[in-house]
Amino acid sequence: MAEFRTHPRRSILQLLLIVALMGIVYTAMHMLDFRLRVLNVLLQCAFCLLPFLAIQPVRRFQPRPRFYGLILLAPLLCMSACLGTFAVGSDEPLTEPLQTFQEGDGTVQLQRYENGGAIGVHGINLEQRRLIVPGLFLVRSVDFFDFAYEGTLTSEGPYRVRVHAKGSKYEVDKVYSLKPWIYF
C-alpha cells in the first residue's frame, strides 16, 4: 500500500512554523514571569515539546532528505527531552529582594540571585518589572553583577537609578536609565 505524501513545500512551511513558534516561546520564557511557578514550568515544557512536532513533517520528505532530516532532528529531540526533564525537576532560582522602587507603572528591584548550588550562578541582578495582568509580569533584566555579595539601589530622578555593587574583587557604582514603556 502506498504511503500518503504531501508536497515537500507544505512540510517545509510546517517546519518553519515550528521554528517560529519556538522563537516566540523562547522569547516569552525570558520576558514573562508568572507569579505561579507551575505556569513558568509549563511554558518551559512547551518550548521543549515543540521540536517533537517536527517529526511528522520530516517523515513526509523523500527518502534521502528524510534520512538527513532525521539525523539532524535526533540530537535536538534528545536535548529537548533532557531540558524538559530538568525544567520539571529543577528548583527555581533563589532570589532575595534587596531593594525595590516604584517607577511609574512598574518596579525596579535589586535582588540577590543564586542558581545551581556551589558552582552555579551567584550575584546581584537589577531587574525592571511591569504588571501586565494579575499574576503575569513583563520582566527586563537591566544588569547582572557576577559574584557580587552586597548592593544598594538609590533613585537618581525619574527612570534613573544608581547601583552600587560590591564583589570579592571589584566594586561598581553606575547610573542606569530605565525604559518607561518599552522593554527591549
N, C-alpha and C. Protein backbone atom coordinates (compact mmCIF):
# COMPACT_ATOMS: atom_id res chain seq x y z
N MET A 1 0.84 -1.16 0.00
CA MET A 1 0.00 0.00 0.00
C MET A 1 0.89 1.24 0.00
N ALA A 2 0.59 2.17 -0.86
CA ALA A 2 1.41 3.39 -0.99
C ALA A 2 1.15 4.33 0.18
N GLU A 3 2.24 4.91 0.67
CA GLU A 3 2.14 5.84 1.79
C GLU A 3 1.79 7.22 1.26
N PHE A 4 0.89 7.91 1.91
CA PHE A 4 0.46 9.24 1.50
C PHE A 4 1.58 10.25 1.80
N ARG A 5 1.97 10.98 0.78
CA ARG A 5 3.00 12.01 0.95
C ARG A 5 2.43 13.33 0.46
N THR A 6 2.68 14.36 1.23
CA THR A 6 2.25 15.69 0.82
C THR A 6 3.36 16.35 0.03
N HIS A 7 3.06 17.47 -0.53
CA HIS A 7 4.05 18.22 -1.27
C HIS A 7 5.14 18.68 -0.31
N PRO A 8 6.43 18.59 -0.70
CA PRO A 8 7.52 18.96 0.21
C PRO A 8 7.44 20.42 0.68
N ARG A 9 6.85 21.27 -0.13
CA ARG A 9 6.74 22.68 0.24
C ARG A 9 5.88 22.83 1.51
N ARG A 10 4.83 22.02 1.63
CA ARG A 10 3.97 22.09 2.81
C ARG A 10 4.73 21.64 4.07
N SER A 11 5.54 20.60 3.94
CA SER A 11 6.33 20.14 5.08
C SER A 11 7.36 21.19 5.50
N ILE A 12 7.96 21.84 4.53
CA ILE A 12 8.93 22.89 4.84
C ILE A 12 8.25 24.05 5.54
N LEU A 13 7.05 24.44 5.08
CA LEU A 13 6.31 25.51 5.74
C LEU A 13 5.94 25.12 7.17
N GLN A 14 5.58 23.87 7.40
CA GLN A 14 5.27 23.42 8.75
C GLN A 14 6.51 23.48 9.64
N LEU A 15 7.65 23.09 9.11
CA LEU A 15 8.89 23.18 9.88
C LEU A 15 9.25 24.63 10.20
N LEU A 16 9.05 25.53 9.25
CA LEU A 16 9.32 26.94 9.50
C LEU A 16 8.36 27.50 10.55
N LEU A 17 7.12 27.05 10.55
CA LEU A 17 6.15 27.47 11.56
C LEU A 17 6.58 26.98 12.95
N ILE A 18 7.08 25.76 13.03
CA ILE A 18 7.56 25.22 14.31
C ILE A 18 8.75 26.02 14.81
N VAL A 19 9.67 26.37 13.92
CA VAL A 19 10.84 27.18 14.31
C VAL A 19 10.38 28.56 14.79
N ALA A 20 9.41 29.17 14.10
CA ALA A 20 8.89 30.47 14.52
C ALA A 20 8.22 30.37 15.89
N LEU A 21 7.44 29.32 16.11
CA LEU A 21 6.81 29.12 17.42
C LEU A 21 7.85 28.94 18.52
N MET A 22 8.92 28.21 18.22
CA MET A 22 9.99 28.05 19.20
C MET A 22 10.62 29.39 19.55
N GLY A 23 10.82 30.24 18.55
CA GLY A 23 11.38 31.57 18.80
C GLY A 23 10.45 32.41 19.66
N ILE A 24 9.16 32.35 19.41
CA ILE A 24 8.19 33.11 20.19
C ILE A 24 8.14 32.62 21.62
N VAL A 25 8.09 31.30 21.82
CA VAL A 25 8.03 30.75 23.17
C VAL A 25 9.33 31.02 23.92
N TYR A 26 10.47 30.93 23.24
CA TYR A 26 11.76 31.22 23.87
C TYR A 26 11.80 32.68 24.34
N THR A 27 11.34 33.58 23.50
CA THR A 27 11.29 35.00 23.88
C THR A 27 10.35 35.20 25.06
N ALA A 28 9.21 34.55 25.03
CA ALA A 28 8.24 34.67 26.13
C ALA A 28 8.82 34.13 27.43
N MET A 29 9.61 33.06 27.36
CA MET A 29 10.23 32.49 28.57
C MET A 29 11.15 33.50 29.25
N HIS A 30 11.81 34.34 28.46
CA HIS A 30 12.78 35.27 29.02
C HIS A 30 12.21 36.65 29.32
N MET A 31 10.99 36.92 28.84
CA MET A 31 10.41 38.24 29.07
C MET A 31 9.21 38.20 30.02
N LEU A 32 8.60 37.05 30.20
CA LEU A 32 7.41 36.95 31.05
C LEU A 32 7.71 36.14 32.29
N ASP A 33 7.09 36.52 33.37
CA ASP A 33 7.24 35.79 34.63
C ASP A 33 5.87 35.67 35.27
N PHE A 34 5.41 34.45 35.42
CA PHE A 34 4.15 34.19 36.08
C PHE A 34 4.38 34.11 37.58
N ARG A 35 3.41 34.58 38.33
CA ARG A 35 3.52 34.51 39.78
C ARG A 35 3.48 33.05 40.24
N LEU A 36 2.71 32.20 39.53
CA LEU A 36 2.65 30.78 39.85
C LEU A 36 3.77 30.05 39.14
N ARG A 37 4.61 29.34 39.88
CA ARG A 37 5.75 28.63 39.31
C ARG A 37 5.33 27.61 38.27
N VAL A 38 4.18 26.94 38.48
CA VAL A 38 3.74 25.90 37.56
C VAL A 38 3.52 26.45 36.15
N LEU A 39 3.07 27.69 36.02
CA LEU A 39 2.88 28.28 34.70
C LEU A 39 4.21 28.56 34.01
N ASN A 40 5.23 28.96 34.77
CA ASN A 40 6.57 29.13 34.18
C ASN A 40 7.12 27.80 33.70
N VAL A 41 6.90 26.74 34.48
CA VAL A 41 7.37 25.40 34.09
C VAL A 41 6.63 24.92 32.86
N LEU A 42 5.32 25.17 32.78
CA LEU A 42 4.55 24.77 31.59
C LEU A 42 5.05 25.48 30.34
N LEU A 43 5.44 26.74 30.46
CA LEU A 43 5.99 27.46 29.32
C LEU A 43 7.31 26.84 28.88
N GLN A 44 8.16 26.46 29.84
CA GLN A 44 9.42 25.80 29.51
C GLN A 44 9.17 24.44 28.86
N CYS A 45 8.20 23.71 29.37
CA CYS A 45 7.88 22.40 28.80
C CYS A 45 7.32 22.53 27.38
N ALA A 46 6.52 23.56 27.13
CA ALA A 46 6.00 23.79 25.78
C ALA A 46 7.16 24.02 24.81
N PHE A 47 8.17 24.78 25.26
CA PHE A 47 9.33 25.01 24.41
C PHE A 47 10.06 23.70 24.12
N CYS A 48 10.16 22.84 25.12
CA CYS A 48 10.87 21.57 24.95
C CYS A 48 10.08 20.57 24.11
N LEU A 49 8.77 20.69 24.08
CA LEU A 49 7.96 19.75 23.31
C LEU A 49 7.78 20.15 21.84
N LEU A 50 7.98 21.40 21.53
CA LEU A 50 7.78 21.86 20.15
C LEU A 50 8.62 21.11 19.12
N PRO A 51 9.90 20.77 19.38
CA PRO A 51 10.66 20.02 18.36
C PRO A 51 10.05 18.67 18.01
N PHE A 52 9.28 18.09 18.91
CA PHE A 52 8.66 16.80 18.61
C PHE A 52 7.57 16.93 17.54
N LEU A 53 7.05 18.13 17.35
CA LEU A 53 6.08 18.35 16.28
C LEU A 53 6.74 18.30 14.90
N ALA A 54 8.05 18.38 14.85
CA ALA A 54 8.77 18.36 13.57
C ALA A 54 8.96 16.95 13.03
N ILE A 55 8.68 15.94 13.81
CA ILE A 55 8.89 14.56 13.34
C ILE A 55 8.02 14.25 12.13
N GLN A 56 6.75 14.55 12.21
CA GLN A 56 5.83 14.20 11.12
C GLN A 56 6.17 14.92 9.81
N PRO A 57 6.42 16.24 9.81
CA PRO A 57 6.80 16.87 8.54
C PRO A 57 8.09 16.32 7.95
N VAL A 58 9.06 15.97 8.80
CA VAL A 58 10.32 15.40 8.29
C VAL A 58 10.07 14.01 7.72
N ARG A 59 9.20 13.23 8.31
CA ARG A 59 8.90 11.88 7.81
C ARG A 59 8.20 11.90 6.46
N ARG A 60 7.59 13.01 6.08
CA ARG A 60 6.90 13.10 4.79
C ARG A 60 7.82 13.47 3.64
N PHE A 61 9.10 13.75 3.92
CA PHE A 61 10.05 14.04 2.85
C PHE A 61 10.36 12.77 2.06
N GLN A 62 11.02 12.95 0.91
CA GLN A 62 11.51 11.83 0.11
C GLN A 62 12.61 11.12 0.90
N PRO A 63 12.99 9.88 0.51
CA PRO A 63 13.91 9.09 1.33
C PRO A 63 15.22 9.77 1.73
N ARG A 64 15.93 10.36 0.80
CA ARG A 64 17.22 10.96 1.15
C ARG A 64 17.07 12.18 2.05
N PRO A 65 16.22 13.19 1.72
CA PRO A 65 16.05 14.31 2.65
C PRO A 65 15.47 13.87 4.00
N ARG A 66 14.64 12.84 4.01
CA ARG A 66 14.08 12.33 5.26
C ARG A 66 15.20 11.78 6.14
N PHE A 67 16.13 11.03 5.53
CA PHE A 67 17.26 10.46 6.26
C PHE A 67 18.09 11.55 6.91
N TYR A 68 18.46 12.57 6.13
CA TYR A 68 19.27 13.67 6.68
C TYR A 68 18.48 14.49 7.70
N GLY A 69 17.20 14.68 7.45
CA GLY A 69 16.36 15.42 8.39
C GLY A 69 16.25 14.71 9.73
N LEU A 70 16.09 13.40 9.70
CA LEU A 70 16.00 12.65 10.95
C LEU A 70 17.34 12.62 11.69
N ILE A 71 18.44 12.60 10.95
CA ILE A 71 19.75 12.64 11.58
C ILE A 71 19.95 14.00 12.27
N LEU A 72 19.51 15.09 11.63
CA LEU A 72 19.62 16.41 12.25
C LEU A 72 18.64 16.59 13.41
N LEU A 73 17.50 15.95 13.31
CA LEU A 73 16.45 16.11 14.33
C LEU A 73 16.72 15.28 15.59
N ALA A 74 17.39 14.14 15.46
CA ALA A 74 17.60 13.24 16.60
C ALA A 74 18.33 13.91 17.78
N PRO A 75 19.45 14.60 17.58
CA PRO A 75 20.09 15.24 18.73
C PRO A 75 19.23 16.36 19.34
N LEU A 76 18.50 17.06 18.50
CA LEU A 76 17.62 18.12 19.01
C LEU A 76 16.52 17.53 19.89
N LEU A 77 15.97 16.39 19.49
CA LEU A 77 14.93 15.74 20.28
C LEU A 77 15.49 15.22 21.61
N CYS A 78 16.68 14.66 21.57
CA CYS A 78 17.31 14.20 22.82
C CYS A 78 17.57 15.36 23.77
N MET A 79 18.10 16.46 23.23
CA MET A 79 18.37 17.63 24.05
C MET A 79 17.07 18.23 24.60
N SER A 80 16.02 18.26 23.80
CA SER A 80 14.74 18.78 24.26
C SER A 80 14.16 17.91 25.36
N ALA A 81 14.27 16.59 25.23
CA ALA A 81 13.77 15.70 26.27
C ALA A 81 14.53 15.91 27.58
N CYS A 82 15.84 16.07 27.49
CA CYS A 82 16.65 16.31 28.71
C CYS A 82 16.31 17.65 29.34
N LEU A 83 16.21 18.70 28.53
CA LEU A 83 15.88 20.02 29.06
C LEU A 83 14.49 20.04 29.68
N GLY A 84 13.54 19.34 29.07
CA GLY A 84 12.20 19.26 29.63
C GLY A 84 12.19 18.55 30.97
N THR A 85 12.98 17.49 31.08
CA THR A 85 13.09 16.76 32.35
C THR A 85 13.70 17.65 33.42
N PHE A 86 14.76 18.39 33.06
CA PHE A 86 15.39 19.28 34.03
C PHE A 86 14.46 20.44 34.41
N ALA A 87 13.66 20.92 33.46
CA ALA A 87 12.73 22.03 33.76
C ALA A 87 11.71 21.60 34.80
N VAL A 88 11.24 20.37 34.69
CA VAL A 88 10.24 19.88 35.65
C VAL A 88 10.89 19.56 36.99
N GLY A 89 12.09 18.99 36.96
CA GLY A 89 12.72 18.52 38.19
C GLY A 89 13.57 19.52 38.93
N SER A 90 13.92 20.62 38.30
CA SER A 90 14.84 21.55 38.95
C SER A 90 14.10 22.56 39.82
N ASP A 91 14.84 23.10 40.75
CA ASP A 91 14.30 24.15 41.61
C ASP A 91 14.38 25.49 40.88
N GLU A 92 13.51 26.38 41.27
CA GLU A 92 13.54 27.73 40.73
C GLU A 92 14.71 28.48 41.34
N PRO A 93 15.34 29.38 40.58
CA PRO A 93 16.44 30.15 41.15
C PRO A 93 15.99 30.89 42.42
N LEU A 94 16.89 30.98 43.37
CA LEU A 94 16.58 31.69 44.61
C LEU A 94 16.88 33.17 44.42
N THR A 95 15.89 34.00 44.65
CA THR A 95 16.08 35.43 44.58
C THR A 95 15.62 36.04 45.90
N GLU A 96 16.41 36.97 46.38
CA GLU A 96 16.10 37.68 47.61
C GLU A 96 16.13 39.17 47.30
N PRO A 97 14.98 39.83 47.39
CA PRO A 97 14.97 41.27 47.10
C PRO A 97 15.81 42.04 48.11
N LEU A 98 16.69 42.90 47.60
CA LEU A 98 17.50 43.76 48.46
C LEU A 98 16.85 45.13 48.60
N GLN A 99 16.43 45.70 47.47
CA GLN A 99 15.75 46.99 47.47
C GLN A 99 14.81 47.05 46.29
N THR A 100 13.68 47.74 46.46
CA THR A 100 12.68 47.88 45.40
C THR A 100 12.18 49.31 45.36
N PHE A 101 12.05 49.87 44.15
CA PHE A 101 11.49 51.20 43.94
C PHE A 101 10.33 51.10 42.97
N GLN A 102 9.31 51.92 43.20
CA GLN A 102 8.20 52.05 42.26
C GLN A 102 8.60 53.09 41.23
N GLU A 103 8.55 52.74 39.95
CA GLU A 103 8.86 53.66 38.86
C GLU A 103 7.69 53.65 37.89
N GLY A 104 6.85 54.65 37.93
CA GLY A 104 5.69 54.71 37.05
C GLY A 104 4.75 53.56 37.34
N ASP A 105 4.44 52.76 36.31
CA ASP A 105 3.55 51.61 36.47
C ASP A 105 4.31 50.32 36.79
N GLY A 106 5.59 50.40 36.98
CA GLY A 106 6.38 49.20 37.24
C GLY A 106 7.25 49.36 38.47
N THR A 107 8.09 48.38 38.66
CA THR A 107 9.02 48.41 39.78
C THR A 107 10.43 48.14 39.28
N VAL A 108 11.39 48.65 40.02
CA VAL A 108 12.80 48.37 39.78
C VAL A 108 13.29 47.68 41.04
N GLN A 109 13.94 46.54 40.85
CA GLN A 109 14.34 45.75 42.01
C GLN A 109 15.79 45.31 41.89
N LEU A 110 16.51 45.47 42.99
CA LEU A 110 17.86 44.92 43.11
C LEU A 110 17.71 43.67 43.95
N GLN A 111 18.16 42.54 43.44
CA GLN A 111 17.95 41.27 44.13
C GLN A 111 19.19 40.40 44.10
N ARG A 112 19.36 39.66 45.19
CA ARG A 112 20.42 38.66 45.25
C ARG A 112 19.91 37.45 44.48
N TYR A 113 20.75 36.89 43.62
CA TYR A 113 20.35 35.80 42.73
C TYR A 113 21.29 34.62 42.91
N GLU A 114 20.73 33.43 43.13
CA GLU A 114 21.52 32.21 43.24
C GLU A 114 20.83 31.11 42.47
N ASN A 115 21.59 30.41 41.64
CA ASN A 115 21.04 29.31 40.87
C ASN A 115 22.13 28.27 40.66
N GLY A 116 21.88 27.04 41.03
CA GLY A 116 22.80 25.97 40.72
C GLY A 116 23.73 25.55 41.82
N GLY A 117 23.49 25.95 43.05
CA GLY A 117 24.33 25.48 44.16
C GLY A 117 25.69 26.16 44.18
N ALA A 118 26.68 25.42 44.69
CA ALA A 118 28.00 26.00 44.91
C ALA A 118 28.71 26.40 43.62
N ILE A 119 28.50 25.67 42.54
CA ILE A 119 29.20 26.00 41.29
C ILE A 119 28.29 26.72 40.30
N GLY A 120 27.13 27.15 40.73
CA GLY A 120 26.16 27.80 39.86
C GLY A 120 26.42 29.29 39.69
N VAL A 121 25.38 29.99 39.33
CA VAL A 121 25.44 31.42 39.08
C VAL A 121 25.04 32.14 40.36
N HIS A 122 25.90 33.06 40.80
CA HIS A 122 25.64 33.83 42.01
C HIS A 122 25.95 35.29 41.72
N GLY A 123 25.13 36.18 42.25
CA GLY A 123 25.40 37.59 42.07
C GLY A 123 24.21 38.43 42.44
N ILE A 124 24.22 39.65 41.94
CA ILE A 124 23.14 40.60 42.18
C ILE A 124 22.58 41.01 40.83
N ASN A 125 21.24 41.02 40.74
CA ASN A 125 20.54 41.29 39.50
C ASN A 125 19.73 42.58 39.65
N LEU A 126 19.82 43.47 38.67
CA LEU A 126 18.97 44.65 38.60
C LEU A 126 17.89 44.36 37.58
N GLU A 127 16.64 44.42 38.02
CA GLU A 127 15.53 43.97 37.20
C GLU A 127 14.41 45.00 37.19
N GLN A 128 13.81 45.17 36.03
CA GLN A 128 12.67 46.06 35.87
C GLN A 128 11.45 45.19 35.56
N ARG A 129 10.33 45.41 36.28
CA ARG A 129 9.12 44.60 36.11
C ARG A 129 7.91 45.50 35.89
N ARG A 130 7.00 45.01 35.07
CA ARG A 130 5.73 45.70 34.85
C ARG A 130 4.62 44.66 34.90
N LEU A 131 3.59 44.94 35.70
CA LEU A 131 2.45 44.05 35.80
C LEU A 131 1.59 44.20 34.55
N ILE A 132 1.37 43.08 33.84
CA ILE A 132 0.55 43.10 32.62
C ILE A 132 -0.90 42.82 33.00
N VAL A 133 -1.12 41.66 33.59
CA VAL A 133 -2.41 41.25 34.15
C VAL A 133 -2.10 40.65 35.51
N PRO A 134 -3.08 40.54 36.40
CA PRO A 134 -2.79 39.95 37.71
C PRO A 134 -2.12 38.58 37.58
N GLY A 135 -0.95 38.46 38.16
CA GLY A 135 -0.20 37.20 38.14
C GLY A 135 0.80 37.06 37.01
N LEU A 136 0.88 38.04 36.09
CA LEU A 136 1.79 37.96 34.95
C LEU A 136 2.57 39.27 34.84
N PHE A 137 3.91 39.15 34.86
CA PHE A 137 4.79 40.31 34.80
C PHE A 137 5.62 40.27 33.53
N LEU A 138 5.85 41.45 32.97
CA LEU A 138 6.83 41.63 31.90
C LEU A 138 8.13 41.99 32.60
N VAL A 139 9.19 41.22 32.33
CA VAL A 139 10.45 41.35 33.07
C VAL A 139 11.56 41.74 32.12
N ARG A 140 12.38 42.68 32.57
CA ARG A 140 13.57 43.08 31.81
C ARG A 140 14.75 43.11 32.76
N SER A 141 15.73 42.28 32.51
CA SER A 141 16.94 42.30 33.31
C SER A 141 17.82 43.43 32.79
N VAL A 142 18.12 44.38 33.66
CA VAL A 142 18.89 45.56 33.25
C VAL A 142 20.38 45.26 33.30
N ASP A 143 20.83 44.62 34.40
CA ASP A 143 22.25 44.28 34.52
C ASP A 143 22.41 43.19 35.57
N PHE A 144 23.51 42.47 35.47
CA PHE A 144 23.82 41.41 36.43
C PHE A 144 25.27 41.57 36.85
N PHE A 145 25.51 41.49 38.16
CA PHE A 145 26.85 41.64 38.71
C PHE A 145 27.29 40.29 39.25
N ASP A 146 28.18 39.62 38.50
CA ASP A 146 28.67 38.28 38.89
C ASP A 146 29.40 38.33 40.21
N PHE A 147 29.09 37.37 41.05
CA PHE A 147 29.76 37.15 42.33
C PHE A 147 29.71 38.37 43.26
N ALA A 148 28.80 39.30 43.03
CA ALA A 148 28.63 40.41 43.97
C ALA A 148 27.87 39.89 45.18
N TYR A 149 28.23 40.35 46.35
CA TYR A 149 27.60 39.85 47.56
C TYR A 149 26.79 40.92 48.29
N GLU A 150 26.97 42.19 47.92
CA GLU A 150 26.13 43.22 48.52
C GLU A 150 25.93 44.34 47.52
N GLY A 151 24.80 45.03 47.65
CA GLY A 151 24.49 46.11 46.72
C GLY A 151 23.43 47.03 47.28
N THR A 152 23.44 48.27 46.79
CA THR A 152 22.43 49.25 47.16
C THR A 152 21.88 49.89 45.90
N LEU A 153 20.63 50.32 46.00
CA LEU A 153 19.92 50.94 44.89
C LEU A 153 19.39 52.27 45.37
N THR A 154 19.70 53.36 44.66
CA THR A 154 19.18 54.67 45.02
C THR A 154 18.58 55.32 43.79
N SER A 155 17.55 56.13 44.01
CA SER A 155 16.87 56.82 42.92
C SER A 155 17.66 58.06 42.53
N GLU A 156 17.84 58.28 41.24
CA GLU A 156 18.57 59.44 40.71
C GLU A 156 17.65 60.35 39.92
N GLY A 157 16.35 60.22 40.11
CA GLY A 157 15.38 61.00 39.35
C GLY A 157 14.42 60.07 38.64
N PRO A 158 13.55 60.64 37.79
CA PRO A 158 12.58 59.79 37.10
C PRO A 158 13.27 58.84 36.12
N TYR A 159 12.99 57.57 36.31
CA TYR A 159 13.51 56.49 35.45
C TYR A 159 15.04 56.46 35.40
N ARG A 160 15.67 56.81 36.50
CA ARG A 160 17.13 56.70 36.63
C ARG A 160 17.43 56.18 38.02
N VAL A 161 18.30 55.18 38.08
CA VAL A 161 18.70 54.62 39.37
C VAL A 161 20.22 54.46 39.40
N ARG A 162 20.77 54.50 40.59
CA ARG A 162 22.20 54.27 40.79
C ARG A 162 22.36 52.95 41.54
N VAL A 163 23.24 52.12 41.05
CA VAL A 163 23.54 50.84 41.70
C VAL A 163 24.97 50.87 42.18
N HIS A 164 25.13 50.50 43.43
CA HIS A 164 26.45 50.32 44.00
C HIS A 164 26.54 48.85 44.41
N ALA A 165 27.39 48.09 43.71
CA ALA A 165 27.54 46.65 43.99
C ALA A 165 28.98 46.35 44.33
N LYS A 166 29.14 45.44 45.28
CA LYS A 166 30.48 45.09 45.73
C LYS A 166 30.66 43.58 45.59
N GLY A 167 31.71 43.19 44.88
CA GLY A 167 32.08 41.79 44.74
C GLY A 167 33.37 41.53 45.48
N SER A 168 33.87 40.30 45.39
CA SER A 168 35.10 39.96 46.11
C SER A 168 36.33 40.65 45.52
N LYS A 169 36.30 40.95 44.20
CA LYS A 169 37.47 41.56 43.57
C LYS A 169 37.15 42.87 42.85
N TYR A 170 35.92 43.38 43.02
CA TYR A 170 35.56 44.61 42.31
C TYR A 170 34.46 45.35 43.06
N GLU A 171 34.28 46.61 42.64
CA GLU A 171 33.22 47.46 43.17
C GLU A 171 32.69 48.30 42.02
N VAL A 172 31.37 48.37 41.88
CA VAL A 172 30.74 49.08 40.78
C VAL A 172 29.81 50.15 41.34
N ASP A 173 29.87 51.34 40.76
CA ASP A 173 28.95 52.43 41.08
C ASP A 173 28.51 53.00 39.74
N LYS A 174 27.27 52.71 39.33
CA LYS A 174 26.84 53.04 37.97
C LYS A 174 25.41 53.54 37.99
N VAL A 175 25.10 54.50 37.10
CA VAL A 175 23.75 55.04 36.95
C VAL A 175 23.13 54.42 35.70
N TYR A 176 21.88 53.96 35.84
CA TYR A 176 21.16 53.33 34.75
C TYR A 176 19.93 54.15 34.39
N SER A 177 19.69 54.31 33.09
CA SER A 177 18.46 54.92 32.61
C SER A 177 17.50 53.80 32.30
N LEU A 178 16.32 53.86 32.88
CA LEU A 178 15.32 52.81 32.69
C LEU A 178 14.36 53.20 31.59
N LYS A 179 13.72 52.22 30.99
CA LYS A 179 12.76 52.46 29.93
C LYS A 179 11.35 52.48 30.52
N PRO A 180 10.61 53.57 30.32
CA PRO A 180 9.30 53.65 30.94
C PRO A 180 8.25 52.71 30.34
N TRP A 181 8.31 52.43 29.04
CA TRP A 181 7.27 51.61 28.42
C TRP A 181 7.84 50.40 27.69
N ILE A 182 8.89 50.60 26.92
CA ILE A 182 9.41 49.54 26.05
C ILE A 182 10.50 48.79 26.79
N TYR A 183 10.48 47.47 26.71
CA TYR A 183 11.39 46.65 27.48
C TYR A 183 12.42 45.95 26.61
N PHE A 184 12.64 46.37 25.41
CA PHE A 184 13.60 45.69 24.55
C PHE A 184 14.88 46.46 24.49
